[in-house]
Amino acid sequence: MAMNTDNTKAQMRKGILEYCILAVLSRNSCYAVDIINELKKAEVIVVEGTLYPLLTRQKNAGLLSYRWEESPQGPPRKYYELTELGKIYLNELDKAWEELVESVNQIRDRK
């Protein structure tokens, strides 16, 4: 009997979503739709209803700031970017991710 792994995979993705958001923003400032598109390209599917609370939480924690920019069509857009604290925090998450991958690989590779 095959197990359905979809729920487990969704939980794993959810766990790294905040990390992925910061990683996307480390390259350049983005508005929410840009972030969603970047995540979708990497098959980390996220809906706006999930993204906005995370962006707000990260902003309230001092990891992100934002600015308003006029849009060629429609209302002005809110562009998010990493703060200095956000860059330091992302650097820590990068180290933690490397350690986690290393640990999982050690366990997986034991014969």
C-alpha atoms as a PDB file:
ATOM      1  CA  MET A   1       0.000   0.000   0.000  1.00  0.00           C
ATOM      2  CA  ALA A   2       1.502   3.346  -1.079  1.00  0.00           C
ATOM      3  CA  MET A   3       1.459   6.170   1.428  1.00  0.00           C
ATOM      4  CA  ASN A   4       0.328   9.605   0.301  1.00  0.00           C
ATOM      5  CA  THR A   5       3.241  11.937   0.965  1.00  0.00           C
ATOM      6  CA  ASP A   6       1.478  15.166  -0.070  1.00  0.00           C
ATOM      7  CA  ASN A   7       0.633  16.282   3.465  1.00  0.00           C
ATOM      8  CA  THR A   8       4.134  15.593   4.766  1.00  0.00           C
ATOM      9  CA  LYS A   9       5.683  17.413   1.820  1.00  0.00           C
ATOM     10  CA  ALA A  10       3.327  20.369   2.394  1.00  0.00           C
ATOM     11  CA  GLN A  11       4.368  20.494   6.066  1.00  0.00           C
ATOM     12  CA  MET A  12       8.062  20.412   5.122  1.00  0.00           C
ATOM     13  CA  ARG A  13       7.562  23.272   2.660  1.00  0.00           C
ATOM     14  CA  LYS A  14       5.577  25.254   5.209  1.00  0.00           C
ATOM     15  CA  GLY A  15       8.435  24.882   7.664  1.00  0.00           C
ATOM     16  CA  ILE A  16      10.903  26.498   5.279  1.00  0.00           C
ATOM     17  CA  LEU A  17       8.560  29.093   3.798  1.00  0.00           C
ATOM     18  CA  GLU A  18       9.741  31.989   5.967  1.00  0.00           C
ATOM     19  CA  TYR A  19      13.341  31.102   5.120  1.00  0.00           C
ATOM     20  CA  CYS A  20      12.483  31.017   1.393  1.00  0.00           C
ATOM     21  CA  ILE A  21      10.785  34.430   1.568  1.00  0.00           C
ATOM     22  CA  LEU A  22      13.894  35.985   3.120  1.00  0.00           C
ATOM     23  CA  ALA A  23      16.097  34.258   0.547  1.00  0.00           C
ATOM     24  CA  VAL A  24      14.006  35.691  -2.325  1.00  0.00           C
ATOM     25  CA  LEU A  25      14.202  39.181  -0.803  1.00  0.00           C
ATOM     26  CA  SER A  26      17.966  38.901  -0.300  1.00  0.00           C
ATOM     27  CA  ARG A  27      18.443  39.254  -4.073  1.00  0.00           C
ATOM     28  CA  ASN A  28      16.350  42.410  -4.514  1.00  0.00           C
ATOM     29  CA  SER A  29      13.268  44.141  -3.191  1.00  0.00           C
ATOM     30  CA  CYS A  30       9.999  42.634  -4.391  1.00  0.00           C
ATOM     31  CA  TYR A  31       6.303  43.062  -4.066  1.00  0.00           C
ATOM     32  CA  ALA A  32       4.134  40.175  -2.917  1.00  0.00           C
ATOM     33  CA  VAL A  33       3.210  38.876  -6.381  1.00  0.00           C
ATOM     34  CA  ASP A  34       6.941  38.749  -7.315  1.00  0.00           C
ATOM     35  CA  ILE A  35       7.616  36.680  -4.192  1.00  0.00           C
ATOM     36  CA  ILE A  36       4.752  34.287  -4.974  1.00  0.00           C
ATOM     37  CA  ASN A  37       6.011  33.853  -8.563  1.00  0.00           C
ATOM     38  CA  GLU A  38       9.575  33.148  -7.393  1.00  0.00           C
ATOM     39  CA  LEU A  39       8.323  30.548  -4.910  1.00  0.00           C
ATOM     40  CA  LYS A  40       6.085  28.944  -7.545  1.00  0.00           C
ATOM     41  CA  LYS A  41       9.041  28.653  -9.947  1.00  0.00           C
ATOM     42  CA  ALA A  42      10.811  26.639  -7.250  1.00  0.00           C
ATOM     43  CA  GLU A  43       7.619  24.623  -6.627  1.00  0.00           C
ATOM     44  CA  VAL A  44       7.190  26.069  -3.143  1.00  0.00           C
ATOM     45  CA  ILE A  45       3.536  26.848  -3.728  1.00  0.00           C
ATOM     46  CA  VAL A  46       2.083  29.581  -1.583  1.00  0.00           C
ATOM     47  CA  VAL A  47      -1.153  31.533  -1.751  1.00  0.00           C
ATOM     48  CA  GLU A  48      -1.531  35.219  -0.937  1.00  0.00           C
ATOM     49  CA  GLY A  49      -3.527  34.366   2.188  1.00  0.00           C
ATOM     50  CA  THR A  50      -0.465  32.511   3.525  1.00  0.00           C
ATOM     51  CA  LEU A  51       2.136  35.029   2.366  1.00  0.00           C
ATOM     52  CA  TYR A  52       0.745  38.287   3.749  1.00  0.00           C
ATOM     53  CA  PRO A  53       0.615  37.208   7.424  1.00  0.00           C
ATOM     54  CA  LEU A  54       4.215  35.946   7.135  1.00  0.00           C
ATOM     55  CA  LEU A  55       5.385  39.229   5.574  1.00  0.00           C
ATOM     56  CA  THR A  56       3.623  41.169   8.343  1.00  0.00           C
ATOM     57  CA  ARG A  57       5.201  38.987  11.024  1.00  0.00           C
ATOM     58  CA  GLN A  58       8.667  39.399   9.488  1.00  0.00           C
ATOM     59  CA  LYS A  59       8.155  43.163   9.204  1.00  0.00           C
ATOM     60  CA  ASN A  60       7.009  43.384  12.839  1.00  0.00           C
ATOM     61  CA  ALA A  61      10.091  41.398  13.868  1.00  0.00           C
ATOM     62  CA  GLY A  62      12.265  44.018  12.149  1.00  0.00           C
ATOM     63  CA  LEU A  63      13.486  41.643   9.412  1.00  0.00           C
ATOM     64  CA  LEU A  64      11.780  43.500   6.540  1.00  0.00           C
ATOM     65  CA  SER A  65      10.915  47.032   5.621  1.00  0.00           C
ATOM     66  CA  TYR A  66       8.774  48.223   2.753  1.00  0.00           C
ATOM     67  CA  ARG A  67       8.213  51.207   0.522  1.00  0.00           C
ATOM     68  CA  TRP A  68       5.309  52.174  -1.740  1.00  0.00           C
ATOM     69  CA  GLU A  69       5.903  52.497  -5.471  1.00  0.00           C
ATOM     70  CA  GLU A  70       3.561  53.693  -8.162  1.00  0.00           C
ATOM     71  CA  SER A  71       2.357  50.927 -10.440  1.00  0.00           C
ATOM     72  CA  PRO A  72       2.002  51.264 -14.232  1.00  0.00           C
ATOM     73  CA  GLN A  73      -1.452  49.742 -13.820  1.00  0.00           C
ATOM     74  CA  GLY A  74      -3.590  49.781 -10.714  1.00  0.00           C
ATOM     75  CA  PRO A  75      -2.839  51.037  -7.196  1.00  0.00           C
ATOM     76  CA  PRO A  76       0.663  51.633  -5.762  1.00  0.00           C
ATOM     77  CA  ARG A  77       2.584  48.498  -4.788  1.00  0.00           C
ATOM     78  CA  LYS A  78       4.270  47.702  -1.501  1.00  0.00           C
ATOM     79  CA  TYR A  79       7.881  46.612  -2.136  1.00  0.00           C
ATOM     80  CA  TYR A  80       9.542  44.605   0.643  1.00  0.00           C
ATOM     81  CA  GLU A  81      13.272  44.441   1.351  1.00  0.00           C
ATOM     82  CA  LEU A  82      15.527  42.967   3.997  1.00  0.00           C
ATOM     83  CA  THR A  83      16.687  45.210   6.820  1.00  0.00           C
ATOM     84  CA  GLU A  84      20.198  44.873   8.257  1.00  0.00           C
ATOM     85  CA  LEU A  85      18.684  42.676  10.974  1.00  0.00           C
ATOM     86  CA  GLY A  86      16.967  40.617   8.268  1.00  0.00           C
ATOM     87  CA  LYS A  87      20.318  40.057   6.507  1.00  0.00           C
ATOM     88  CA  ILE A  88      21.929  38.881   9.763  1.00  0.00           C
ATOM     89  CA  TYR A  89      18.923  36.643  10.509  1.00  0.00           C
ATOM     90  CA  LEU A  90      19.041  35.131   6.999  1.00  0.00           C
ATOM     91  CA  ASN A  91      22.751  34.450   7.419  1.00  0.00           C
ATOM     92  CA  GLU A  92      21.958  32.523  10.621  1.00  0.00           C
ATOM     93  CA  LEU A  93      19.209  30.584   8.828  1.00  0.00           C
ATOM     94  CA  ASP A  94      21.642  29.742   6.011  1.00  0.00           C
ATOM     95  CA  LYS A  95      24.007  28.183   8.563  1.00  0.00           C
ATOM     96  CA  ALA A  96      21.150  26.337  10.281  1.00  0.00           C
ATOM     97  CA  TRP A  97      19.920  25.016   6.904  1.00  0.00           C
ATOM     98  CA  GLU A  98      23.405  23.729   5.978  1.00  0.00           C
ATOM     99  CA  GLU A  99      23.683  21.978   9.359  1.00  0.00           C
ATOM    100  CA  LEU A 100      20.210  20.459   8.993  1.00  0.00           C
ATOM    101  CA  VAL A 101      20.902  19.146   5.480  1.00  0.00           C
ATOM    102  CA  GLU A 102      24.225  17.724   6.687  1.00  0.00           C
ATOM    103  CA  SER A 103      22.520  16.006   9.637  1.00  0.00           C
ATOM    104  CA  VAL A 104      19.742  14.523   7.494  1.00  0.00           C
ATOM    105  CA  ASN A 105      22.284  13.321   4.927  1.00  0.00           C
ATOM    106  CA  GLN A 106      24.359  11.657   7.649  1.00  0.00           C
ATOM    107  CA  ILE A 107      21.312   9.791   8.895  1.00  0.00           C
ATOM    108  CA  ARG A 108      20.186   8.863   5.357  1.00  0.00           C
ATOM    109  CA  ASP A 109      23.661   7.665   4.330  1.00  0.00           C
ATOM    110  CA  ARG A 110      24.192   5.320   7.285  1.00  0.00           C
ATOM    111  CA  LYS A 111      24.005   1.762   6.058  1.00  0.00           C
END
